[in-house]
N, C-alpha and C. Protein backbone atom coordinates (compact mmCIF):
# COMPACT_ATOMS: atom_id res chain seq x y z
N MET A 1 0.80 -1.19 0.00
CA MET A 1 0.00 0.00 0.00
C MET A 1 0.85 1.26 0.00
N SER A 2 1.88 1.31 0.84
CA SER A 2 2.70 2.50 0.92
C SER A 2 3.49 2.72 -0.38
N ALA A 3 3.82 1.63 -1.07
CA ALA A 3 4.52 1.77 -2.35
C ALA A 3 3.61 2.41 -3.38
N GLN A 4 2.32 2.09 -3.36
CA GLN A 4 1.38 2.70 -4.30
C GLN A 4 1.24 4.19 -4.03
N LYS A 5 1.10 4.55 -2.76
CA LYS A 5 0.95 5.95 -2.41
C LYS A 5 2.18 6.76 -2.84
N GLN A 6 3.37 6.20 -2.63
CA GLN A 6 4.58 6.91 -3.01
C GLN A 6 4.66 7.08 -4.52
N SER A 7 4.29 6.04 -5.27
CA SER A 7 4.36 6.14 -6.72
C SER A 7 3.32 7.11 -7.26
N GLN A 8 2.14 7.17 -6.63
CA GLN A 8 1.11 8.11 -7.07
C GLN A 8 1.53 9.54 -6.80
N SER A 9 2.08 9.81 -5.63
CA SER A 9 2.49 11.17 -5.31
C SER A 9 3.66 11.60 -6.19
N ALA A 10 4.57 10.69 -6.47
CA ALA A 10 5.71 11.02 -7.34
C ALA A 10 5.22 11.23 -8.77
N GLY A 11 4.25 10.47 -9.19
CA GLY A 11 3.73 10.60 -10.55
C GLY A 11 2.98 11.90 -10.76
N SER A 12 2.28 12.38 -9.73
CA SER A 12 1.54 13.63 -9.89
C SER A 12 2.48 14.83 -9.96
N ASP A 13 3.62 14.75 -9.29
CA ASP A 13 4.57 15.85 -9.34
C ASP A 13 5.30 15.90 -10.68
N SER A 14 5.62 14.76 -11.24
CA SER A 14 6.41 14.74 -12.47
C SER A 14 5.55 14.82 -13.72
N GLY A 15 4.25 14.58 -13.62
CA GLY A 15 3.38 14.57 -14.80
C GLY A 15 2.99 15.97 -15.23
N GLY A 16 2.67 16.12 -16.53
CA GLY A 16 2.19 17.39 -17.05
C GLY A 16 3.29 18.40 -17.25
N GLY A 17 2.88 19.64 -17.50
CA GLY A 17 3.84 20.71 -17.73
C GLY A 17 4.26 21.36 -16.44
N LYS A 18 5.18 22.29 -16.57
CA LYS A 18 5.65 23.00 -15.39
C LYS A 18 4.68 24.12 -15.04
N ARG A 19 4.55 24.35 -13.75
CA ARG A 19 3.66 25.41 -13.28
C ARG A 19 4.40 26.74 -13.28
N LYS A 20 3.62 27.82 -13.40
CA LYS A 20 4.23 29.14 -13.32
C LYS A 20 4.67 29.40 -11.89
N PRO A 21 5.75 30.13 -11.72
CA PRO A 21 6.17 30.44 -10.36
C PRO A 21 5.17 31.38 -9.68
N TRP A 22 4.99 31.22 -8.38
CA TRP A 22 4.05 32.03 -7.62
C TRP A 22 4.62 33.43 -7.45
N VAL A 23 3.78 34.43 -7.75
CA VAL A 23 4.20 35.81 -7.60
C VAL A 23 3.32 36.45 -6.54
N LYS A 24 3.93 37.00 -5.52
CA LYS A 24 3.16 37.62 -4.46
C LYS A 24 2.54 38.91 -4.97
N LYS A 25 1.24 39.09 -4.67
CA LYS A 25 0.52 40.28 -5.13
C LYS A 25 0.22 41.16 -3.93
N SER A 26 0.18 42.45 -4.20
CA SER A 26 -0.16 43.38 -3.14
C SER A 26 -1.68 43.34 -2.92
N PRO A 27 -2.14 43.78 -1.77
CA PRO A 27 -3.59 43.81 -1.53
C PRO A 27 -4.35 44.64 -2.57
N VAL A 28 -3.72 45.69 -3.06
CA VAL A 28 -4.36 46.53 -4.08
C VAL A 28 -4.55 45.73 -5.36
N GLU A 29 -3.55 44.98 -5.77
CA GLU A 29 -3.66 44.16 -6.98
C GLU A 29 -4.75 43.10 -6.84
N ILE A 30 -4.85 42.52 -5.67
CA ILE A 30 -5.87 41.50 -5.43
C ILE A 30 -7.26 42.11 -5.55
N ILE A 31 -7.47 43.27 -4.94
CA ILE A 31 -8.77 43.93 -5.00
C ILE A 31 -9.10 44.33 -6.43
N LEU A 32 -8.12 44.85 -7.16
CA LEU A 32 -8.37 45.26 -8.55
C LEU A 32 -8.76 44.06 -9.41
N GLU A 33 -8.13 42.92 -9.18
CA GLU A 33 -8.49 41.71 -9.92
C GLU A 33 -9.90 41.27 -9.58
N GLN A 34 -10.26 41.34 -8.30
CA GLN A 34 -11.60 40.96 -7.88
C GLN A 34 -12.66 41.88 -8.49
N VAL A 35 -12.34 43.18 -8.56
CA VAL A 35 -13.26 44.15 -9.17
C VAL A 35 -13.45 43.83 -10.65
N ALA A 36 -12.37 43.53 -11.33
CA ALA A 36 -12.46 43.21 -12.76
C ALA A 36 -13.29 41.95 -12.99
N LYS A 37 -13.07 40.93 -12.17
CA LYS A 37 -13.85 39.70 -12.30
C LYS A 37 -15.33 39.95 -12.05
N GLN A 38 -15.63 40.79 -11.05
CA GLN A 38 -17.02 41.09 -10.73
C GLN A 38 -17.68 41.88 -11.87
N GLN A 39 -16.93 42.80 -12.49
CA GLN A 39 -17.46 43.55 -13.61
C GLN A 39 -17.79 42.62 -14.78
N GLU A 40 -16.91 41.66 -15.05
CA GLU A 40 -17.17 40.70 -16.12
C GLU A 40 -18.41 39.87 -15.82
N LYS A 41 -18.55 39.47 -14.57
CA LYS A 41 -19.71 38.67 -14.16
C LYS A 41 -21.00 39.47 -14.34
N VAL A 42 -20.98 40.74 -13.93
CA VAL A 42 -22.16 41.59 -14.04
C VAL A 42 -22.52 41.80 -15.51
N GLU A 43 -21.54 42.01 -16.36
CA GLU A 43 -21.81 42.19 -17.79
C GLU A 43 -22.45 40.94 -18.39
N ALA A 44 -21.94 39.77 -18.01
CA ALA A 44 -22.52 38.53 -18.51
C ALA A 44 -23.96 38.37 -18.04
N LEU A 45 -24.22 38.71 -16.79
CA LEU A 45 -25.58 38.62 -16.26
C LEU A 45 -26.51 39.61 -16.94
N ARG A 46 -26.01 40.80 -17.25
CA ARG A 46 -26.83 41.80 -17.96
C ARG A 46 -27.21 41.31 -19.35
N LYS A 47 -26.26 40.68 -20.05
CA LYS A 47 -26.56 40.14 -21.37
C LYS A 47 -27.61 39.04 -21.28
N GLU A 48 -27.45 38.17 -20.28
CA GLU A 48 -28.41 37.09 -20.09
C GLU A 48 -29.79 37.65 -19.75
N LEU A 49 -29.83 38.68 -18.91
CA LEU A 49 -31.09 39.31 -18.53
C LEU A 49 -31.77 39.93 -19.76
N ALA A 50 -31.00 40.58 -20.61
CA ALA A 50 -31.56 41.19 -21.81
C ALA A 50 -32.18 40.12 -22.71
N GLN A 51 -31.54 38.97 -22.84
CA GLN A 51 -32.08 37.88 -23.64
C GLN A 51 -33.37 37.36 -23.04
N GLU A 52 -33.39 37.19 -21.72
CA GLU A 52 -34.58 36.69 -21.04
C GLU A 52 -35.73 37.69 -21.15
N GLU A 53 -35.42 38.98 -21.06
CA GLU A 53 -36.46 39.99 -21.21
C GLU A 53 -37.04 39.97 -22.62
N GLY A 54 -36.19 39.73 -23.62
CA GLY A 54 -36.68 39.61 -25.00
C GLY A 54 -37.63 38.43 -25.15
N GLU A 55 -37.28 37.30 -24.55
CA GLU A 55 -38.15 36.13 -24.59
C GLU A 55 -39.48 36.41 -23.90
N LEU A 56 -39.42 37.09 -22.77
CA LEU A 56 -40.64 37.44 -22.04
C LEU A 56 -41.53 38.35 -22.87
N LYS A 57 -40.95 39.33 -23.55
CA LYS A 57 -41.73 40.24 -24.38
C LYS A 57 -42.42 39.47 -25.50
N LYS A 58 -41.71 38.53 -26.12
CA LYS A 58 -42.32 37.73 -27.18
C LYS A 58 -43.51 36.94 -26.66
N MET A 59 -43.35 36.35 -25.48
CA MET A 59 -44.43 35.57 -24.89
C MET A 59 -45.62 36.45 -24.52
N GLN A 60 -45.34 37.64 -24.00
CA GLN A 60 -46.42 38.57 -23.65
C GLN A 60 -47.17 39.02 -24.90
N ASP A 61 -46.44 39.28 -25.98
CA ASP A 61 -47.07 39.66 -27.24
C ASP A 61 -47.95 38.53 -27.76
N ALA A 62 -47.46 37.31 -27.68
CA ALA A 62 -48.24 36.16 -28.13
C ALA A 62 -49.50 36.00 -27.28
N THR A 63 -49.38 36.23 -25.98
CA THR A 63 -50.53 36.14 -25.09
C THR A 63 -51.57 37.17 -25.45
N ARG A 64 -51.13 38.40 -25.73
CA ARG A 64 -52.07 39.46 -26.14
C ARG A 64 -52.80 39.09 -27.42
N LEU A 65 -52.07 38.52 -28.38
CA LEU A 65 -52.69 38.13 -29.64
C LEU A 65 -53.73 37.03 -29.42
N LEU A 66 -53.40 36.07 -28.57
CA LEU A 66 -54.34 34.99 -28.31
C LEU A 66 -55.57 35.47 -27.56
N GLN A 67 -55.40 36.41 -26.67
CA GLN A 67 -56.53 36.93 -25.91
C GLN A 67 -57.42 37.83 -26.76
N ALA A 68 -56.85 38.46 -27.77
CA ALA A 68 -57.62 39.35 -28.64
C ALA A 68 -58.59 38.58 -29.52
N LYS A 69 -58.29 37.32 -29.82
CA LYS A 69 -59.14 36.55 -30.72
C LYS A 69 -60.33 36.00 -30.05
């Protein structure tokens, strides 16, 4: 069992490509990155909301047409 664990841990370290070295970021850089990610998320949600509102308008128009007949 211990031989398997050792081979698995050694295999995970040597497999794949090399990782980028860790670069320490200042608190300001961290906050700026978080703000940018949140802005991207909000933009994506706004686009999705606009699409959903368009679908709702189509359904409401269809409902009005059906009720008019």
